[in-house]
Amino acid sequence: MLEKIKETIDFLKSRGFNSPDAGIILGTGLGGLTEKITNSIEIDYRDIPNFPVSTVKGHEGKLIYGDFGKKKIVAMKGRFHYYEGYGSEQITFPVRVLKYLGIKCLFLSNAAGGLNPDFEIGDIMIITDHINLLPNPLIGQNDDRIGPRFPDMGEAYDSYLINKALMIAQNHGIKVHRGVYLATTGPTFETPAEYRHFRIIGADAVGMSTTPEVITARHMGLPCFAVSIITDLGVEGKIKYTTHETVIQEAAKTEERMTKLMTDLIASL
């Protein structure tokens, strides 16, 4: 794997991707944040050696490098999922590339279904912990040059970044929640019984991504910060018919607030 990572790094550096401070992975309907990146360089995933190609609507499939919040960043406009048929190595390979490009922190966003009865559609949830019901991306032979065989996950989401984000949100009057994110394989949205089960075991929101990327980042010692945009509700009495299109629409409505939070947080690094 390390040889593939180096091949991809060499290609990106030849295109001007040099020494980014942070990496961002943007979820469904949240790619508009990249419009705030200036002096940007964009490359389609299909043109990057060893990269998968995003197949999901709302995930444009571009890697973007430039200035954001007074820092140099690399942003993934679209991610990869198990339900697309990709394996663990393909889904998490871009995270490893971002680490070897030089990022110091990884920021992630996703669209999620709210399980906490205090949540409403359009809310922002800062992820404080997760429950991973996807295959663990570290299963298989471990390369000790990249990370340890048994990485600790006691602080999967960086407490300093969480506290900093809470202060930023308060200063700007941005309402945020804190909570536990649960990841499933998808691509089906949950049944009412599944929503109840996930709430009982401690989840505040449910989605189909993020945890493999965070596990991989922590395997390499990268601090992580992640937010969920609540685009639908899995709360009894509030469950409505959900489609991928409605998820994209609701995510877009909240994007401006999320962008402000991310911009100031990255600027504070």
C-alpha atoms as a PDB file:
ATOM      1  CA  MET A   1       0.000   0.000   0.000  1.00  0.00           C
ATOM      2  CA  LEU A   2       2.790   2.429   0.852  1.00  0.00           C
ATOM      3  CA  GLU A   3       4.104   2.175  -2.701  1.00  0.00           C
ATOM      4  CA  LYS A   4       0.676   3.145  -4.097  1.00  0.00           C
ATOM      5  CA  ILE A   5       0.463   6.045  -1.652  1.00  0.00           C
ATOM      6  CA  LYS A   6       3.854   7.342  -2.773  1.00  0.00           C
ATOM      7  CA  GLU A   7       2.866   7.054  -6.435  1.00  0.00           C
ATOM      8  CA  THR A   8      -0.271   9.131  -5.808  1.00  0.00           C
ATOM      9  CA  ILE A   9       1.650  11.674  -3.693  1.00  0.00           C
ATOM     10  CA  ASP A  10       4.253  12.154  -6.418  1.00  0.00           C
ATOM     11  CA  PHE A  11       1.489  12.820  -8.956  1.00  0.00           C
ATOM     12  CA  LEU A  12      -0.314  15.345  -6.731  1.00  0.00           C
ATOM     13  CA  LYS A  13       2.889  17.191  -5.841  1.00  0.00           C
ATOM     14  CA  SER A  14       3.698  17.459  -9.525  1.00  0.00           C
ATOM     15  CA  ARG A  15       0.345  19.208  -9.951  1.00  0.00           C
ATOM     16  CA  GLY A  16       1.007  21.730  -7.176  1.00  0.00           C
ATOM     17  CA  PHE A  17      -0.446  20.022  -4.079  1.00  0.00           C
ATOM     18  CA  ASN A  18       2.246  20.981  -1.562  1.00  0.00           C
ATOM     19  CA  SER A  19       2.292  20.933   2.266  1.00  0.00           C
ATOM     20  CA  PRO A  20      -1.409  21.392   3.109  1.00  0.00           C
ATOM     21  CA  ASP A  21      -2.262  22.213   6.715  1.00  0.00           C
ATOM     22  CA  ALA A  22      -5.542  20.289   6.835  1.00  0.00           C
ATOM     23  CA  GLY A  23      -7.730  17.911   4.869  1.00  0.00           C
ATOM     24  CA  ILE A  24     -11.521  18.063   4.501  1.00  0.00           C
ATOM     25  CA  ILE A  25     -13.860  15.279   3.398  1.00  0.00           C
ATOM     26  CA  LEU A  26     -17.283  16.578   2.374  1.00  0.00           C
ATOM     27  CA  GLY A  27     -20.426  14.475   2.467  1.00  0.00           C
ATOM     28  CA  THR A  28     -23.688  14.353   0.550  1.00  0.00           C
ATOM     29  CA  GLY A  29     -24.864  17.756  -0.629  1.00  0.00           C
ATOM     30  CA  LEU A  30     -22.092  19.581   1.211  1.00  0.00           C
ATOM     31  CA  GLY A  31     -19.616  20.167  -1.602  1.00  0.00           C
ATOM     32  CA  GLY A  32     -20.442  23.865  -1.831  1.00  0.00           C
ATOM     33  CA  LEU A  33     -17.924  24.595   0.906  1.00  0.00           C
ATOM     34  CA  THR A  34     -15.231  24.242  -1.745  1.00  0.00           C
ATOM     35  CA  GLU A  35     -16.455  27.492  -3.327  1.00  0.00           C
ATOM     36  CA  LYS A  36     -14.729  29.256  -0.427  1.00  0.00           C
ATOM     37  CA  ILE A  37     -11.343  27.864  -1.471  1.00  0.00           C
ATOM     38  CA  THR A  38      -9.250  30.457  -3.313  1.00  0.00           C
ATOM     39  CA  ASN A  39      -6.207  30.074  -5.580  1.00  0.00           C
ATOM     40  CA  SER A  40      -7.464  26.557  -6.117  1.00  0.00           C
ATOM     41  CA  ILE A  41      -6.210  23.601  -8.118  1.00  0.00           C
ATOM     42  CA  GLU A  42      -8.824  20.950  -8.998  1.00  0.00           C
ATOM     43  CA  ILE A  43      -8.300  17.395 -10.212  1.00  0.00           C
ATOM     44  CA  ASP A  44     -11.023  14.844 -10.995  1.00  0.00           C
ATOM     45  CA  TYR A  45     -10.701  11.634  -9.012  1.00  0.00           C
ATOM     46  CA  ARG A  46     -10.625   9.647 -12.252  1.00  0.00           C
ATOM     47  CA  ASP A  47      -7.372  11.407 -13.203  1.00  0.00           C
ATOM     48  CA  ILE A  48      -5.563  10.605  -9.937  1.00  0.00           C
ATOM     49  CA  PRO A  49      -3.502   7.380  -9.861  1.00  0.00           C
ATOM     50  CA  ASN A  50      -4.975   4.690  -7.561  1.00  0.00           C
ATOM     51  CA  PHE A  51      -8.042   6.798  -6.621  1.00  0.00           C
ATOM     52  CA  PRO A  52     -11.553   5.310  -6.805  1.00  0.00           C
ATOM     53  CA  VAL A  53     -14.301   7.238  -8.606  1.00  0.00           C
ATOM     54  CA  SER A  54     -17.334   8.572  -6.725  1.00  0.00           C
ATOM     55  CA  THR A  55     -20.612   7.206  -8.126  1.00  0.00           C
ATOM     56  CA  VAL A  56     -23.184   8.903  -5.871  1.00  0.00           C
ATOM     57  CA  LYS A  57     -25.262  11.986  -6.682  1.00  0.00           C
ATOM     58  CA  GLY A  58     -24.161  14.861  -4.453  1.00  0.00           C
ATOM     59  CA  HIS A  59     -20.532  13.662  -4.528  1.00  0.00           C
ATOM     60  CA  GLU A  60     -18.922  15.462  -7.443  1.00  0.00           C
ATOM     61  CA  GLY A  61     -15.612  13.599  -7.275  1.00  0.00           C
ATOM     62  CA  LYS A  62     -12.906  16.271  -7.218  1.00  0.00           C
ATOM     63  CA  LEU A  63      -9.784  16.813  -5.144  1.00  0.00           C
ATOM     64  CA  ILE A  64      -9.263  20.544  -4.526  1.00  0.00           C
ATOM     65  CA  TYR A  65      -6.177  22.276  -3.135  1.00  0.00           C
ATOM     66  CA  GLY A  66      -5.956  25.937  -2.158  1.00  0.00           C
ATOM     67  CA  ASP A  67      -6.396  28.628   0.497  1.00  0.00           C
ATOM     68  CA  PHE A  68      -9.177  28.296   3.071  1.00  0.00           C
ATOM     69  CA  GLY A  69      -9.460  30.072   6.398  1.00  0.00           C
ATOM     70  CA  LYS A  70      -5.910  31.446   5.982  1.00  0.00           C
ATOM     71  CA  LYS A  71      -4.570  27.914   5.665  1.00  0.00           C
ATOM     72  CA  LYS A  72      -3.654  25.586   2.826  1.00  0.00           C
ATOM     73  CA  ILE A  73      -6.108  22.713   2.576  1.00  0.00           C
ATOM     74  CA  VAL A  74      -6.938  19.717   0.436  1.00  0.00           C
ATOM     75  CA  ALA A  75     -10.668  19.059   0.123  1.00  0.00           C
ATOM     76  CA  MET A  76     -12.378  15.928  -1.115  1.00  0.00           C
ATOM     77  CA  LYS A  77     -15.580  17.012  -2.873  1.00  0.00           C
ATOM     78  CA  GLY A  78     -17.256  13.645  -2.484  1.00  0.00           C
ATOM     79  CA  ARG A  79     -16.271  10.459  -0.688  1.00  0.00           C
ATOM     80  CA  PHE A  80     -16.549   6.693  -1.201  1.00  0.00           C
ATOM     81  CA  HIS A  81     -18.903   4.211   0.473  1.00  0.00           C
ATOM     82  CA  TYR A  82     -19.204   0.474   1.032  1.00  0.00           C
ATOM     83  CA  TYR A  83     -22.584   0.457  -0.678  1.00  0.00           C
ATOM     84  CA  GLU A  84     -20.895   1.544  -3.903  1.00  0.00           C
ATOM     85  CA  GLY A  85     -19.083  -1.784  -3.917  1.00  0.00           C
ATOM     86  CA  TYR A  86     -15.700  -0.494  -2.831  1.00  0.00           C
ATOM     87  CA  GLY A  87     -13.528  -2.378  -0.355  1.00  0.00           C
ATOM     88  CA  SER A  88     -11.937  -0.972   2.794  1.00  0.00           C
ATOM     89  CA  GLU A  89      -8.622  -0.124   1.172  1.00  0.00           C
ATOM     90  CA  GLN A  90     -10.265   1.835  -1.643  1.00  0.00           C
ATOM     91  CA  ILE A  91     -12.613   3.756   0.669  1.00  0.00           C
ATOM     92  CA  THR A  92      -9.865   4.849   3.035  1.00  0.00           C
ATOM     93  CA  PHE A  93      -6.963   5.189   0.573  1.00  0.00           C
ATOM     94  CA  PRO A  94      -7.553   8.961   0.100  1.00  0.00           C
ATOM     95  CA  VAL A  95      -7.202   9.502   3.868  1.00  0.00           C
ATOM     96  CA  ARG A  96      -3.778   7.891   3.767  1.00  0.00           C
ATOM     97  CA  VAL A  97      -2.838  10.057   0.793  1.00  0.00           C
ATOM     98  CA  LEU A  98      -3.889  13.214   2.658  1.00  0.00           C
ATOM     99  CA  LYS A  99      -1.754  12.185   5.644  1.00  0.00           C
ATOM    100  CA  TYR A 100       1.303  11.626   3.488  1.00  0.00           C
ATOM    101  CA  LEU A 101       0.706  14.924   1.693  1.00  0.00           C
ATOM    102  CA  GLY A 102       1.333  16.518   5.074  1.00  0.00           C
ATOM    103  CA  ILE A 103      -2.028  17.429   6.655  1.00  0.00           C
ATOM    104  CA  LYS A 104      -1.995  17.905  10.431  1.00  0.00           C
ATOM    105  CA  CYS A 105      -5.741  17.434  11.044  1.00  0.00           C
ATOM    106  CA  LEU A 106      -8.648  15.806   9.218  1.00  0.00           C
ATOM    107  CA  PHE A 107     -12.070  17.477   9.068  1.00  0.00           C
ATOM    108  CA  LEU A 108     -15.143  15.546   7.937  1.00  0.00           C
ATOM    109  CA  SER A 109     -18.818  16.242   7.293  1.00  0.00           C
ATOM    110  CA  ASN A 110     -21.800  14.057   6.498  1.00  0.00           C
ATOM    111  CA  ALA A 111     -25.554  14.101   6.122  1.00  0.00           C
ATOM    112  CA  ALA A 112     -27.252  11.979   8.765  1.00  0.00           C
ATOM    113  CA  GLY A 113     -30.590  10.921  10.164  1.00  0.00           C
ATOM    114  CA  GLY A 114     -31.363  12.304  13.610  1.00  0.00           C
ATOM    115  CA  LEU A 115     -32.191   9.791  16.363  1.00  0.00           C
ATOM    116  CA  ASN A 116     -32.108  12.145  19.323  1.00  0.00           C
ATOM    117  CA  PRO A 117     -35.621  13.493  19.999  1.00  0.00           C
ATOM    118  CA  ASP A 118     -34.139  16.952  20.681  1.00  0.00           C
ATOM    119  CA  PHE A 119     -32.877  17.209  17.088  1.00  0.00           C
ATOM    120  CA  GLU A 120     -34.621  18.913  14.190  1.00  0.00           C
ATOM    121  CA  ILE A 121     -33.942  18.822  10.460  1.00  0.00           C
ATOM    122  CA  GLY A 122     -31.208  21.323   9.649  1.00  0.00           C
ATOM    123  CA  ASP A 123     -29.396  20.976  12.982  1.00  0.00           C
ATOM    124  CA  ILE A 124     -25.616  20.570  13.173  1.00  0.00           C
ATOM    125  CA  MET A 125     -24.234  17.811  15.387  1.00  0.00           C
ATOM    126  CA  ILE A 126     -20.572  17.844  16.367  1.00  0.00           C
ATOM    127  CA  ILE A 127     -19.544  14.202  16.572  1.00  0.00           C
ATOM    128  CA  THR A 128     -18.002  13.327  19.933  1.00  0.00           C
ATOM    129  CA  ASP A 129     -17.840   9.543  19.449  1.00  0.00           C
ATOM    130  CA  HIS A 130     -19.072   6.840  17.102  1.00  0.00           C
ATOM    131  CA  ILE A 131     -20.480   3.345  16.840  1.00  0.00           C
ATOM    132  CA  ASN A 132     -19.047   1.594  13.798  1.00  0.00           C
ATOM    133  CA  LEU A 133     -21.286  -1.098  12.271  1.00  0.00           C
ATOM    134  CA  LEU A 134     -19.277  -1.153   9.039  1.00  0.00           C
ATOM    135  CA  PRO A 135     -16.414  -3.609   8.454  1.00  0.00           C
ATOM    136  CA  ASN A 136     -13.340  -2.271  10.238  1.00  0.00           C
ATOM    137  CA  PRO A 137     -10.974  -0.842   7.598  1.00  0.00           C
ATOM    138  CA  LEU A 138      -7.918  -2.111   9.501  1.00  0.00           C
ATOM    139  CA  ILE A 139      -8.834  -5.780   9.077  1.00  0.00           C
ATOM    140  CA  GLY A 140      -6.056  -7.613   7.248  1.00  0.00           C
ATOM    141  CA  GLN A 141      -2.282  -7.434   7.229  1.00  0.00           C
ATOM    142  CA  ASN A 142      -0.937  -4.358   9.032  1.00  0.00           C
ATOM    143  CA  ASP A 143       1.921  -2.224   7.719  1.00  0.00           C
ATOM    144  CA  ASP A 144       3.793  -1.027  10.798  1.00  0.00           C
ATOM    145  CA  ARG A 145       5.369   1.771   8.742  1.00  0.00           C
ATOM    146  CA  ILE A 146       1.919   3.346   8.450  1.00  0.00           C
ATOM    147  CA  GLY A 147       0.402   2.697  11.869  1.00  0.00           C
ATOM    148  CA  PRO A 148       0.183   0.231  14.804  1.00  0.00           C
ATOM    149  CA  ARG A 149      -1.615  -3.107  14.688  1.00  0.00           C
ATOM    150  CA  PHE A 150      -3.962  -2.121  17.534  1.00  0.00           C
ATOM    151  CA  PRO A 151      -4.634   1.650  17.512  1.00  0.00           C
ATOM    152  CA  ASP A 152      -6.395   3.181  20.499  1.00  0.00           C
ATOM    153  CA  MET A 153      -9.803   4.742  19.782  1.00  0.00           C
ATOM    154  CA  GLY A 154     -10.391   6.304  23.200  1.00  0.00           C
ATOM    155  CA  GLU A 155     -10.470   9.759  21.599  1.00  0.00           C
ATOM    156  CA  ALA A 156     -11.491   9.197  18.000  1.00  0.00           C
ATOM    157  CA  TYR A 157     -12.661  12.823  17.763  1.00  0.00           C
ATOM    158  CA  ASP A 158     -10.213  15.402  19.076  1.00  0.00           C
ATOM    159  CA  SER A 159     -11.416  17.055  22.292  1.00  0.00           C
ATOM    160  CA  TYR A 160      -9.414  20.253  21.700  1.00  0.00           C
ATOM    161  CA  LEU A 161     -10.991  20.760  18.266  1.00  0.00           C
ATOM    162  CA  ILE A 162     -14.459  19.965  19.651  1.00  0.00           C
ATOM    163  CA  ASN A 163     -14.111  22.553  22.429  1.00  0.00           C
ATOM    164  CA  LYS A 164     -12.722  25.112  19.997  1.00  0.00           C
ATOM    165  CA  ALA A 165     -15.664  24.516  17.632  1.00  0.00           C
ATOM    166  CA  LEU A 166     -18.154  24.958  20.478  1.00  0.00           C
ATOM    167  CA  MET A 167     -16.596  28.336  21.305  1.00  0.00           C
ATOM    168  CA  ILE A 168     -16.720  29.411  17.646  1.00  0.00           C
ATOM    169  CA  ALA A 169     -20.347  28.324  17.351  1.00  0.00           C
ATOM    170  CA  GLN A 170     -21.269  30.283  20.478  1.00  0.00           C
ATOM    171  CA  ASN A 171     -19.471  33.408  19.237  1.00  0.00           C
ATOM    172  CA  HIS A 172     -21.394  33.314  15.939  1.00  0.00           C
ATOM    173  CA  GLY A 173     -24.735  32.278  17.424  1.00  0.00           C
ATOM    174  CA  ILE A 174     -24.670  28.959  15.559  1.00  0.00           C
ATOM    175  CA  LYS A 175     -26.789  26.309  17.241  1.00  0.00           C
ATOM    176  CA  VAL A 176     -24.942  23.008  17.552  1.00  0.00           C
ATOM    177  CA  HIS A 177     -25.490  19.706  19.294  1.00  0.00           C
ATOM    178  CA  ARG A 178     -22.973  17.128  20.446  1.00  0.00           C
ATOM    179  CA  GLY A 179     -23.578  13.453  19.899  1.00  0.00           C
ATOM    180  CA  VAL A 180     -22.666   9.936  18.868  1.00  0.00           C
ATOM    181  CA  TYR A 181     -22.705   8.997  15.185  1.00  0.00           C
ATOM    182  CA  LEU A 182     -23.542   5.452  14.100  1.00  0.00           C
ATOM    183  CA  ALA A 183     -22.456   4.133  10.700  1.00  0.00           C
ATOM    184  CA  THR A 184     -24.198   1.397   8.723  1.00  0.00           C
ATOM    185  CA  THR A 185     -23.432  -0.038   5.295  1.00  0.00           C
ATOM    186  CA  GLY A 186     -26.529   1.381   3.564  1.00  0.00           C
ATOM    187  CA  PRO A 187     -27.740   1.980   0.939  1.00  0.00           C
ATOM    188  CA  THR A 188     -31.200   1.579   2.481  1.00  0.00           C
ATOM    189  CA  PHE A 189     -32.531   4.157   4.883  1.00  0.00           C
ATOM    190  CA  GLU A 190     -33.424   2.638   8.235  1.00  0.00           C
ATOM    191  CA  THR A 191     -36.640   0.931   9.286  1.00  0.00           C
ATOM    192  CA  PRO A 192     -38.470   2.306  12.348  1.00  0.00           C
ATOM    193  CA  ALA A 193     -37.279  -0.722  14.342  1.00  0.00           C
ATOM    194  CA  GLU A 194     -33.673  -0.043  13.339  1.00  0.00           C
ATOM    195  CA  TYR A 195     -34.017   3.599  14.362  1.00  0.00           C
ATOM    196  CA  ARG A 196     -35.273   2.482  17.793  1.00  0.00           C
ATOM    197  CA  HIS A 197     -32.462  -0.052  18.138  1.00  0.00           C
ATOM    198  CA  PHE A 198     -29.737   2.455  17.250  1.00  0.00           C
ATOM    199  CA  ARG A 199     -31.127   4.969  19.733  1.00  0.00           C
ATOM    200  CA  ILE A 200     -31.240   2.343  22.485  1.00  0.00           C
ATOM    201  CA  ILE A 201     -27.573   1.452  21.983  1.00  0.00           C
ATOM    202  CA  GLY A 202     -26.513   5.075  22.306  1.00  0.00           C
ATOM    203  CA  ALA A 203     -26.562   6.758  18.892  1.00  0.00           C
ATOM    204  CA  ASP A 204     -27.765  10.308  18.281  1.00  0.00           C
ATOM    205  CA  ALA A 205     -27.467  10.183  14.482  1.00  0.00           C
ATOM    206  CA  VAL A 206     -27.073   7.526  11.806  1.00  0.00           C
ATOM    207  CA  GLY A 207     -25.366   7.575   8.409  1.00  0.00           C
ATOM    208  CA  MET A 208     -23.410   5.516   5.900  1.00  0.00           C
ATOM    209  CA  SER A 209     -19.879   6.928   6.059  1.00  0.00           C
ATOM    210  CA  THR A 210     -17.210   8.688   8.137  1.00  0.00           C
ATOM    211  CA  THR A 211     -16.238   5.986  10.637  1.00  0.00           C
ATOM    212  CA  PRO A 212     -13.878   4.089   8.266  1.00  0.00           C
ATOM    213  CA  GLU A 213     -12.136   7.372   7.434  1.00  0.00           C
ATOM    214  CA  VAL A 214     -11.792   8.330  11.104  1.00  0.00           C
ATOM    215  CA  ILE A 215     -10.502   4.886  12.106  1.00  0.00           C
ATOM    216  CA  THR A 216      -7.928   5.082   9.315  1.00  0.00           C
ATOM    217  CA  ALA A 217      -6.892   8.598  10.308  1.00  0.00           C
ATOM    218  CA  ARG A 218      -6.445   7.618  13.939  1.00  0.00           C
ATOM    219  CA  HIS A 219      -4.416   4.582  12.828  1.00  0.00           C
ATOM    220  CA  MET A 220      -1.919   7.133  11.454  1.00  0.00           C
ATOM    221  CA  GLY A 221      -2.144   9.516  14.408  1.00  0.00           C
ATOM    222  CA  LEU A 222      -4.223  12.194  12.656  1.00  0.00           C
ATOM    223  CA  PRO A 223      -6.555  14.246  14.907  1.00  0.00           C
ATOM    224  CA  CYS A 224     -10.141  14.312  13.594  1.00  0.00           C
ATOM    225  CA  PHE A 225     -13.079  16.697  13.791  1.00  0.00           C
ATOM    226  CA  ALA A 226     -16.444  15.802  12.254  1.00  0.00           C
ATOM    227  CA  VAL A 227     -19.956  17.182  11.976  1.00  0.00           C
ATOM    228  CA  SER A 228     -23.257  15.692  10.897  1.00  0.00           C
ATOM    229  CA  ILE A 229     -25.965  17.748   9.226  1.00  0.00           C
ATOM    230  CA  ILE A 230     -29.323  16.354  10.323  1.00  0.00           C
ATOM    231  CA  THR A 231     -31.266  15.965   7.076  1.00  0.00           C
ATOM    232  CA  ASP A 232     -34.056  13.620   8.207  1.00  0.00           C
ATOM    233  CA  LEU A 233     -35.447  12.274  11.474  1.00  0.00           C
ATOM    234  CA  GLY A 234     -35.632   8.740  12.795  1.00  0.00           C
ATOM    235  CA  VAL A 235     -37.622   9.740  15.859  1.00  0.00           C
ATOM    236  CA  GLU A 236     -40.952   8.026  16.489  1.00  0.00           C
ATOM    237  CA  GLY A 237     -43.757  10.302  15.359  1.00  0.00           C
ATOM    238  CA  LYS A 238     -41.423  12.384  13.177  1.00  0.00           C
ATOM    239  CA  ILE A 239     -40.380   9.770  10.608  1.00  0.00           C
ATOM    240  CA  LYS A 240     -41.214  10.828   7.062  1.00  0.00           C
ATOM    241  CA  TYR A 241     -40.600   9.367   3.625  1.00  0.00           C
ATOM    242  CA  THR A 242     -36.934  10.002   2.813  1.00  0.00           C
ATOM    243  CA  THR A 243     -35.104  10.056  -0.520  1.00  0.00           C
ATOM    244  CA  HIS A 244     -31.534  10.835  -1.484  1.00  0.00           C
ATOM    245  CA  GLU A 245     -32.794  14.014  -3.159  1.00  0.00           C
ATOM    246  CA  THR A 246     -34.419  15.307   0.040  1.00  0.00           C
ATOM    247  CA  VAL A 247     -31.209  14.597   1.946  1.00  0.00           C
ATOM    248  CA  ILE A 248     -29.207  16.662  -0.577  1.00  0.00           C
ATOM    249  CA  GLN A 249     -31.719  19.526  -0.379  1.00  0.00           C
ATOM    250  CA  GLU A 250     -31.726  19.690   3.416  1.00  0.00           C
ATOM    251  CA  ALA A 251     -27.916  19.462   3.616  1.00  0.00           C
ATOM    252  CA  ALA A 252     -27.574  22.423   1.255  1.00  0.00           C
ATOM    253  CA  LYS A 253     -29.750  24.595   3.525  1.00  0.00           C
ATOM    254  CA  THR A 254     -27.342  24.157   6.439  1.00  0.00           C
ATOM    255  CA  GLU A 255     -24.122  24.386   4.477  1.00  0.00           C
ATOM    256  CA  GLU A 256     -23.501  28.096   5.113  1.00  0.00           C
ATOM    257  CA  ARG A 257     -23.459  27.628   8.903  1.00  0.00           C
ATOM    258  CA  MET A 258     -21.247  24.561   8.653  1.00  0.00           C
ATOM    259  CA  THR A 259     -18.859  26.414   6.344  1.00  0.00           C
ATOM    260  CA  LYS A 260     -18.508  29.289   8.823  1.00  0.00           C
ATOM    261  CA  LEU A 261     -17.768  26.835  11.630  1.00  0.00           C
ATOM    262  CA  MET A 262     -15.186  24.939   9.587  1.00  0.00           C
ATOM    263  CA  THR A 263     -13.542  28.110   8.240  1.00  0.00           C
ATOM    264  CA  ASP A 264     -12.934  29.625  11.644  1.00  0.00           C
ATOM    265  CA  LEU A 265     -11.866  26.305  13.149  1.00  0.00           C
ATOM    266  CA  ILE A 266      -9.272  25.650  10.461  1.00  0.00           C
ATOM    267  CA  ALA A 267      -8.050  29.258  10.673  1.00  0.00           C
ATOM    268  CA  SER A 268      -7.409  28.706  14.398  1.00  0.00           C
ATOM    269  CA  LEU A 269      -5.043  25.773  13.869  1.00  0.00           C
END
